[in-house]
Amino acid sequence: MQFGIFTVGDVTTDPTTGRTPTERERIKAMVAIARHAEDVGLDVFATGEHHNPPFVPSSPTTMLGYIAAQTSRLLLTTSTTLITTNDPVKIAEDYAMLQHLADGRVDLMMGRGNTAPVYPWFGKDIRQGIPLAIENYALLRRLWEEDVVTWEGRFRTPLQQFTSTPRPLDGVAPFVWHGSIRSPQIAELAAYYGDGFFANHIFWPTEHFQSLIRLYRERYEHYGHGSADQAIVGLGGQIFIRKNSQDAVNEFRPYFDNAPVYGGGPSLEEFTEATPLTVGSPQEVVDRTLTFRDHFGDYQRQLFLIDHAGLPLRVVLEQLDELGEILPTLRAEFAKDRPAHVPDAPTHASLVEARRAAPGTAAAIGEPRQPVRDTVTGRAFDPAASS
């Protein structure tokens, strides 16, 4: 079980002081947060990708490469890499380069993006979001798995005898998660390839994400990658911890009430009841987080959002200290009664070992068997047709 944090990189005014950090301050703060995450014993740091204010992480690989040089153990990943608006060739090259720089401490999460204006900024049509995600990802896999690629599809110019450089570290591509808030087609895509599926899990009720994860698990087994409970699942969550529960509520409330993503909606109490947001004592956070396994089964990665809504860096680092203190308890409790056949989250080392044990297989993940089928419309999309 991997534990970590993810950031969306928002630049938000602190409602208790009226001060808004500069973009430089926010970027530097994200680096400091990642370094401290390693210090307190967390496994993973993830950054989002955004191309619109008030967000700053428009270049995840630049930030993760910088963090890689200042850490030694932390696994570096994204909480969204936009598979729809980024060129698959550039993704293939950027993340292979990052693999080499970080000595394999890299994976990434693909997402199609829900910010409508981003699509035309990069010359794409949001109405083609799902077909773009399917075609671009199929090309990305080929670029990582094949030394020379000839390809033609619907959404970009053809490739003739193209080699992406550098090649993936040790011949093994970064492990891929597919993230989704609401799209069953993305759960289907993850299942088809035997990739991981990450449920954002921070804004919508538990029942919604249970449905997505159930679909992913069922289709993962359908495509022959293993039993449903062996599917690779990750979850998001939001926490704010203080030793005393009421102190946590009192301190976090102005941030919740004034944050653009929350403001004007349900109350803090209503939102906490309906979503996994947990504001309280260390024990309350432990108890609430452990219920996730009851809702979703054994899973592999838990990422918490702790640095948004204008919280100052000092408070975020204190939150990391609090999280570090409960981390041994979370690890021990999640390990209890975990079936032996449920796999750990893949790492570069485990993927290299798996490939050595099964020579001749594709890098990181096996070849799919059938066309991807849109479970909503029933339409089939065959990635192999783009060749």
Protein backbone atom coordinates (compact mmCIF):
# COMPACT_ATOMS: atom_id res chain seq x y z
CA MET A 1 0.00 0.00 0.00
CA GLN A 2 1.44 3.34 -1.07
CA PHE A 3 0.57 6.55 0.74
CA GLY A 4 1.24 10.01 -0.60
CA ILE A 5 -0.07 13.45 -1.43
CA PHE A 6 -1.20 15.20 -4.57
CA THR A 7 -1.39 18.89 -5.39
CA VAL A 8 -3.48 20.80 -7.87
CA GLY A 9 -1.13 23.79 -7.61
CA ASP A 10 -3.79 26.44 -7.06
CA VAL A 11 -2.80 30.02 -6.25
CA THR A 12 -5.49 31.02 -3.77
CA THR A 13 -5.76 33.94 -1.38
CA ASP A 14 -5.40 33.05 2.29
CA PRO A 15 -8.78 34.17 3.68
CA THR A 16 -7.34 34.66 7.18
CA THR A 17 -4.71 37.17 6.05
CA GLY A 18 -5.91 38.40 2.67
CA ARG A 19 -2.52 37.59 1.15
CA THR A 20 -2.16 35.83 -2.20
CA PRO A 21 1.16 34.08 -2.87
CA THR A 22 3.03 34.86 -6.06
CA GLU A 23 3.34 32.15 -8.70
CA ARG A 24 7.01 31.79 -7.79
CA GLU A 25 6.17 31.36 -4.11
CA ARG A 26 3.54 28.74 -4.90
CA ILE A 27 5.87 26.78 -7.18
CA LYS A 28 8.66 26.85 -4.60
CA ALA A 29 6.17 25.82 -1.91
CA MET A 30 5.18 22.74 -3.93
CA VAL A 31 8.84 21.70 -4.08
CA ALA A 32 9.22 22.19 -0.32
CA ILE A 33 6.07 20.12 0.26
CA ALA A 34 7.43 17.27 -1.85
CA ARG A 35 10.75 17.27 0.00
CA HIS A 36 8.97 17.21 3.35
CA ALA A 37 6.68 14.41 2.16
CA GLU A 38 9.77 12.24 1.77
CA ASP A 39 11.08 13.37 5.16
CA VAL A 40 7.94 12.20 6.99
CA GLY A 41 7.96 8.80 5.27
CA LEU A 42 5.37 9.15 2.52
CA ASP A 43 5.80 7.12 -0.65
CA VAL A 44 4.37 9.29 -3.43
CA PHE A 45 4.19 12.93 -4.54
CA ALA A 46 1.85 13.81 -7.42
CA THR A 47 1.30 17.07 -9.25
CA GLY A 48 -1.56 18.03 -11.51
CA GLU A 49 -1.31 19.58 -14.97
CA HIS A 50 -3.17 22.83 -15.54
CA HIS A 51 -2.90 25.52 -18.20
CA ASN A 52 -5.23 28.12 -16.75
CA PRO A 53 -5.18 30.52 -13.79
CA PRO A 54 -5.29 30.21 -10.83
CA PHE A 55 -3.11 27.11 -11.26
CA VAL A 56 0.66 27.00 -11.85
CA PRO A 57 1.75 23.42 -12.70
CA SER A 58 1.69 23.69 -16.49
CA SER A 59 4.90 21.64 -16.86
CA PRO A 60 4.78 18.60 -14.55
CA THR A 61 7.97 16.99 -15.85
CA THR A 62 9.96 20.17 -15.20
CA MET A 63 8.78 20.24 -11.60
CA LEU A 64 9.18 16.51 -11.03
CA GLY A 65 12.66 16.51 -12.52
CA TYR A 66 13.66 19.32 -10.14
CA ILE A 67 12.18 17.42 -7.20
CA ALA A 68 13.90 14.20 -8.29
CA ALA A 69 17.27 15.93 -7.89
CA GLN A 70 16.39 16.81 -4.27
CA THR A 71 14.93 13.48 -3.14
CA SER A 72 16.17 9.91 -3.06
CA ARG A 73 13.21 7.66 -2.30
CA LEU A 74 9.97 9.48 -3.18
CA LEU A 75 8.02 8.11 -6.14
CA LEU A 76 7.14 10.99 -8.46
CA THR A 77 3.96 11.01 -10.49
CA THR A 78 1.17 13.16 -11.87
CA SER A 79 -2.37 13.56 -10.66
CA THR A 80 -3.23 14.24 -14.28
CA THR A 81 -1.26 14.14 -17.49
CA LEU A 82 -3.59 15.36 -20.23
CA ILE A 83 -3.64 12.52 -22.76
CA THR A 84 -6.13 14.44 -24.93
CA THR A 85 -4.35 17.77 -25.45
CA ASN A 86 -0.69 16.68 -25.18
CA ASP A 87 1.09 15.10 -28.13
CA PRO A 88 1.72 11.40 -27.35
CA VAL A 89 5.21 11.75 -28.85
CA LYS A 90 6.08 14.48 -26.34
CA ILE A 91 4.60 12.49 -23.44
CA ALA A 92 6.65 9.45 -24.46
CA GLU A 93 9.87 11.43 -24.59
CA ASP A 94 9.30 13.61 -21.52
CA TYR A 95 8.43 10.79 -19.15
CA ALA A 96 11.15 8.47 -20.42
CA MET A 97 13.63 11.29 -19.83
CA LEU A 98 12.22 11.76 -16.33
CA GLN A 99 12.57 8.02 -15.71
CA HIS A 100 16.30 8.23 -16.40
CA LEU A 101 16.81 11.35 -14.29
CA ALA A 102 14.87 9.93 -11.33
CA ASP A 103 16.38 6.41 -11.53
CA GLY A 104 12.98 4.90 -12.23
CA ARG A 105 11.05 6.69 -9.45
CA VAL A 106 8.35 7.70 -11.93
CA ASP A 107 4.86 6.74 -13.00
CA LEU A 108 2.03 8.87 -14.32
CA MET A 109 -1.73 9.27 -14.34
CA MET A 110 -3.54 9.87 -17.60
CA GLY A 111 -6.68 11.97 -17.71
CA ARG A 112 -8.73 13.57 -20.44
CA GLY A 113 -9.26 16.86 -18.60
CA ASN A 114 -12.50 18.57 -17.66
CA THR A 115 -11.57 22.22 -18.31
CA ALA A 116 -13.31 22.96 -21.59
CA PRO A 117 -11.20 25.95 -22.77
CA VAL A 118 -7.99 23.91 -22.62
CA TYR A 119 -8.98 21.85 -25.65
CA PRO A 120 -9.07 24.68 -28.22
CA TRP A 121 -5.92 26.21 -26.71
CA PHE A 122 -4.13 23.08 -27.92
CA GLY A 123 -6.09 22.72 -31.14
CA LYS A 124 -8.46 20.00 -29.93
CA ASP A 125 -12.22 19.57 -29.66
CA ILE A 126 -13.60 18.58 -26.24
CA ARG A 127 -16.44 16.73 -27.98
CA GLN A 128 -13.76 14.27 -29.15
CA GLY A 129 -12.37 13.81 -25.64
CA ILE A 130 -12.93 10.07 -25.33
CA PRO A 131 -11.77 9.12 -28.87
CA LEU A 132 -8.72 11.37 -28.38
CA ALA A 133 -7.88 9.65 -25.10
CA ILE A 134 -8.17 6.20 -26.67
CA GLU A 135 -6.18 6.93 -29.82
CA ASN A 136 -3.46 9.00 -28.14
CA TYR A 137 -2.90 6.41 -25.46
CA ALA A 138 -2.68 3.59 -27.98
CA LEU A 139 0.04 5.53 -29.81
CA LEU A 140 1.87 6.33 -26.57
CA ARG A 141 2.08 2.65 -25.68
CA ARG A 142 3.51 1.80 -29.08
CA LEU A 143 6.10 4.57 -28.80
CA TRP A 144 7.30 3.13 -25.50
CA GLU A 145 7.08 -0.53 -26.46
CA GLU A 146 8.37 -0.48 -30.05
CA ASP A 147 11.75 0.88 -31.13
CA VAL A 148 10.46 1.94 -34.55
CA VAL A 149 6.86 3.04 -35.08
CA THR A 150 4.91 3.63 -38.28
CA TRP A 151 1.46 4.93 -37.44
CA GLU A 152 -1.56 6.78 -38.80
CA GLY A 153 -4.66 7.90 -36.92
CA ARG A 154 -7.46 10.47 -36.87
CA PHE A 155 -6.06 13.25 -34.72
CA ARG A 156 -2.42 13.88 -35.59
CA THR A 157 -0.06 13.64 -38.53
CA PRO A 158 1.24 10.14 -39.39
CA LEU A 159 4.57 8.78 -38.19
CA GLN A 160 6.98 7.00 -40.51
CA GLN A 161 9.74 4.85 -39.02
CA PHE A 162 9.85 7.02 -35.90
CA THR A 163 11.89 6.24 -32.77
CA SER A 164 11.04 8.03 -29.54
CA THR A 165 14.11 8.99 -27.51
CA PRO A 166 15.28 8.31 -24.93
CA ARG A 167 13.98 4.78 -24.77
CA PRO A 168 12.31 3.81 -21.47
CA LEU A 169 14.71 3.01 -18.64
CA ASP A 170 15.70 -0.68 -18.62
CA GLY A 171 13.30 -1.19 -21.53
CA VAL A 172 10.31 -0.82 -19.20
CA ALA A 173 7.80 2.00 -19.62
CA PRO A 174 6.51 3.98 -16.64
CA PHE A 175 3.46 2.40 -15.05
CA VAL A 176 0.27 4.20 -16.05
CA TRP A 177 -2.78 5.00 -13.98
CA HIS A 178 -5.93 6.38 -15.60
CA GLY A 179 -7.75 8.98 -13.52
CA SER A 180 -11.42 9.80 -13.73
CA ILE A 181 -14.07 11.74 -11.90
CA ARG A 182 -17.06 10.67 -13.95
CA SER A 183 -16.15 8.81 -17.16
CA PRO A 184 -16.83 5.05 -17.25
CA GLN A 185 -15.03 4.93 -20.61
CA ILE A 186 -11.76 5.77 -18.84
CA ALA A 187 -12.32 2.95 -16.35
CA GLU A 188 -12.89 0.67 -19.34
CA LEU A 189 -9.67 1.89 -20.98
CA ALA A 190 -7.64 1.20 -17.84
CA ALA A 191 -9.13 -2.28 -17.54
CA TYR A 192 -8.49 -3.08 -21.20
CA TYR A 193 -4.77 -2.49 -20.89
CA GLY A 194 -4.40 -3.86 -17.37
CA ASP A 195 -3.32 -0.43 -16.13
CA GLY A 196 -4.18 1.17 -12.82
CA PHE A 197 -7.38 3.12 -12.21
CA PHE A 198 -7.37 6.14 -9.90
CA ALA A 199 -10.70 7.45 -8.63
CA ASN A 200 -10.42 11.13 -7.75
CA HIS A 201 -12.92 10.51 -4.93
CA ILE A 202 -12.85 14.04 -3.51
CA PHE A 203 -15.95 15.82 -4.76
CA TRP A 204 -18.66 13.26 -5.44
CA PRO A 205 -20.40 10.80 -3.10
CA THR A 206 -18.87 7.41 -2.36
CA GLU A 207 -21.57 5.55 -4.29
CA HIS A 208 -20.50 7.21 -7.54
CA PHE A 209 -16.89 6.08 -7.22
CA GLN A 210 -17.94 2.63 -6.05
CA SER A 211 -19.74 2.25 -9.37
CA LEU A 212 -16.68 3.32 -11.39
CA ILE A 213 -14.30 1.07 -9.48
CA ARG A 214 -16.69 -1.88 -9.66
CA LEU A 215 -16.85 -1.44 -13.43
CA TYR A 216 -13.05 -1.25 -13.67
CA ARG A 217 -12.55 -4.37 -11.57
CA GLU A 218 -15.12 -6.37 -13.54
CA ARG A 219 -13.64 -5.37 -16.88
CA TYR A 220 -10.06 -5.93 -15.67
CA GLU A 221 -11.03 -9.56 -15.01
CA HIS A 222 -12.97 -9.73 -18.28
CA TYR A 223 -9.85 -8.79 -20.26
CA GLY A 224 -7.87 -11.54 -18.58
CA HIS A 225 -5.43 -9.57 -16.45
CA GLY A 226 -6.36 -11.32 -13.20
CA SER A 227 -9.24 -11.56 -10.80
CA ALA A 228 -11.30 -8.47 -10.05
CA ASP A 229 -9.75 -8.04 -6.61
CA GLN A 230 -6.27 -8.00 -8.18
CA ALA A 231 -7.01 -4.86 -10.22
CA ILE A 232 -4.77 -1.89 -9.39
CA VAL A 233 -6.85 0.81 -7.69
CA GLY A 234 -5.90 4.21 -6.29
CA LEU A 235 -8.01 6.70 -4.36
CA GLY A 236 -7.87 10.40 -3.58
CA GLY A 237 -8.86 11.96 -0.30
CA GLN A 238 -8.77 15.27 1.59
CA ILE A 239 -7.72 15.75 5.19
CA PHE A 240 -7.01 18.47 7.73
CA ILE A 241 -5.61 17.28 11.06
CA ARG A 242 -5.13 18.86 14.45
CA LYS A 243 -4.67 17.13 17.79
CA ASN A 244 -8.08 18.38 18.85
CA SER A 245 -11.00 17.83 16.49
CA GLN A 246 -12.71 21.16 17.14
CA ASP A 247 -9.43 23.02 16.62
CA ALA A 248 -9.17 21.38 13.20
CA VAL A 249 -12.70 22.42 12.25
CA ASN A 250 -12.26 25.97 13.49
CA GLU A 251 -8.96 26.45 11.67
CA PHE A 252 -10.02 24.88 8.37
CA ARG A 253 -13.50 26.42 8.13
CA PRO A 254 -12.49 29.83 6.68
CA TYR A 255 -10.42 28.08 4.01
CA PHE A 256 -13.32 25.81 3.12
CA ASP A 257 -15.87 28.64 3.11
CA ASN A 258 -13.81 30.90 0.85
CA ALA A 259 -12.10 28.49 -1.52
CA PRO A 260 -13.38 28.88 -5.11
CA VAL A 261 -13.90 25.14 -5.44
CA TYR A 262 -16.09 25.00 -2.32
CA GLY A 263 -17.50 28.48 -1.80
CA GLY A 264 -21.25 28.89 -1.95
CA GLY A 265 -21.91 25.16 -1.87
CA PRO A 266 -22.67 22.77 0.98
CA SER A 267 -21.47 23.59 4.48
CA LEU A 268 -18.26 22.06 5.78
CA GLU A 269 -20.30 19.57 7.80
CA GLU A 270 -22.47 18.63 4.82
CA PHE A 271 -19.48 18.25 2.53
CA THR A 272 -17.64 16.12 5.10
CA GLU A 273 -20.67 13.88 5.42
CA ALA A 274 -21.08 13.41 1.65
CA THR A 275 -17.43 13.11 0.54
CA PRO A 276 -14.18 11.71 1.96
CA LEU A 277 -13.07 15.14 3.25
CA THR A 278 -12.05 14.53 6.88
CA VAL A 279 -11.36 17.43 9.22
CA GLY A 280 -10.55 16.35 12.73
CA SER A 281 -8.20 14.54 15.08
CA PRO A 282 -5.55 12.02 14.01
CA GLN A 283 -7.78 9.16 15.15
CA GLU A 284 -10.74 10.49 13.20
CA VAL A 285 -8.62 10.64 10.04
CA VAL A 286 -7.36 7.09 10.60
CA ASP A 287 -10.86 5.76 11.22
CA ARG A 288 -12.36 7.51 8.18
CA THR A 289 -9.54 6.47 5.86
CA LEU A 290 -9.88 2.83 6.91
CA THR A 291 -13.53 2.89 5.78
CA PHE A 292 -12.30 3.31 2.20
CA ARG A 293 -11.31 -0.36 2.13
CA ASP A 294 -14.82 -1.28 3.26
CA HIS A 295 -16.24 0.73 0.36
CA PHE A 296 -13.80 -0.22 -2.42
CA GLY A 297 -11.97 -3.38 -1.37
CA ASP A 298 -8.22 -3.76 -0.96
CA TYR A 299 -6.42 -1.16 -3.05
CA GLN A 300 -2.88 -0.06 -3.78
CA ARG A 301 -2.47 3.73 -3.50
CA GLN A 302 -3.94 6.42 -1.26
CA LEU A 303 -3.18 10.05 -2.07
CA PHE A 304 -4.32 12.97 0.09
CA LEU A 305 -4.91 16.58 -0.95
CA ILE A 306 -3.60 18.84 1.82
CA ASP A 307 -2.20 22.03 0.26
CA HIS A 308 -5.12 23.77 -1.46
CA ALA A 309 -7.61 26.54 -0.68
CA GLY A 310 -4.98 29.12 0.33
CA LEU A 311 -3.45 27.18 3.21
CA PRO A 312 -0.02 28.73 3.92
CA LEU A 313 3.10 26.63 3.52
CA ARG A 314 3.72 26.55 7.27
CA VAL A 315 0.34 24.93 7.88
CA VAL A 316 0.79 22.44 5.03
CA LEU A 317 4.14 21.31 6.44
CA GLU A 318 2.47 20.89 9.83
CA GLN A 319 -0.18 18.78 8.14
CA LEU A 320 2.55 16.58 6.68
CA ASP A 321 4.00 16.14 10.16
CA GLU A 322 0.58 15.07 11.45
CA LEU A 323 0.16 12.67 8.53
CA GLY A 324 3.61 11.24 9.16
CA GLU A 325 2.65 10.47 12.75
CA ILE A 326 -0.40 8.41 11.76
CA LEU A 327 1.31 6.77 8.79
CA PRO A 328 2.57 3.69 10.71
CA THR A 329 -0.95 3.07 11.99
CA LEU A 330 -2.45 3.38 8.51
CA ARG A 331 0.16 1.00 7.08
CA ALA A 332 -0.43 -1.57 9.80
CA GLU A 333 -4.22 -1.41 9.61
CA PHE A 334 -4.36 -1.65 5.82
CA ALA A 335 -1.97 -4.62 5.93
CA LYS A 336 -4.25 -6.56 8.28
CA ASP A 337 -6.09 -9.41 6.58
CA ARG A 338 -4.91 -8.27 3.14
CA PRO A 339 -5.14 -11.37 0.90
CA ALA A 340 -1.79 -12.63 -0.31
CA HIS A 341 -2.93 -12.66 -3.94
CA VAL A 342 -3.73 -8.93 -3.97
CA PRO A 343 -0.70 -7.25 -5.59
CA ASP A 344 1.23 -4.24 -4.38
CA ALA A 345 1.31 -1.08 -6.45
CA PRO A 346 3.73 -1.54 -9.35
CA THR A 347 7.14 0.13 -9.16
CA HIS A 348 9.92 0.33 -11.69
CA ALA A 349 11.81 -2.41 -9.87
CA SER A 350 8.81 -4.74 -9.78
CA LEU A 351 8.06 -4.15 -13.48
CA VAL A 352 11.68 -4.87 -14.43
CA GLU A 353 11.56 -8.08 -12.41
CA ALA A 354 8.25 -9.10 -13.99
CA ARG A 355 9.68 -8.58 -17.45
CA ARG A 356 12.76 -10.65 -16.65
CA ALA A 357 10.50 -13.41 -15.39
CA ALA A 358 8.49 -13.34 -18.61
CA PRO A 359 10.90 -12.42 -21.43
CA GLY A 360 9.37 -11.30 -24.69
CA THR A 361 6.41 -9.53 -23.09
CA ALA A 362 5.61 -5.91 -23.81
CA ALA A 363 7.20 -3.34 -21.54
CA ALA A 364 5.28 -2.88 -18.31
CA ILE A 365 1.96 -4.39 -19.36
CA GLY A 366 0.68 -7.15 -21.60
CA GLU A 367 -0.96 -6.96 -24.97
CA PRO A 368 -4.72 -6.32 -24.96
CA ARG A 369 -7.01 -8.93 -26.41
CA GLN A 370 -10.14 -7.21 -27.70
CA PRO A 371 -11.30 -3.76 -28.82
CA VAL A 372 -12.07 -1.22 -26.11
CA ARG A 373 -15.82 -1.02 -25.78
CA ASP A 374 -17.55 2.11 -24.59
CA THR A 375 -19.71 0.71 -21.80
CA VAL A 376 -22.14 3.62 -22.15
CA THR A 377 -22.82 3.59 -25.91
CA GLY A 378 -21.66 0.07 -26.72
CA ARG A 379 -19.41 1.40 -29.48
CA ALA A 380 -16.08 -0.37 -29.93
CA PHE A 381 -12.80 1.51 -30.31
CA ASP A 382 -9.92 -0.63 -31.51
CA PRO A 383 -6.52 0.96 -30.71
CA ALA A 384 -4.85 -1.53 -33.02
CA ALA A 385 -6.76 0.00 -35.94
CA SER A 386 -4.53 3.08 -35.71
CA SER A 387 -1.46 1.53 -37.28
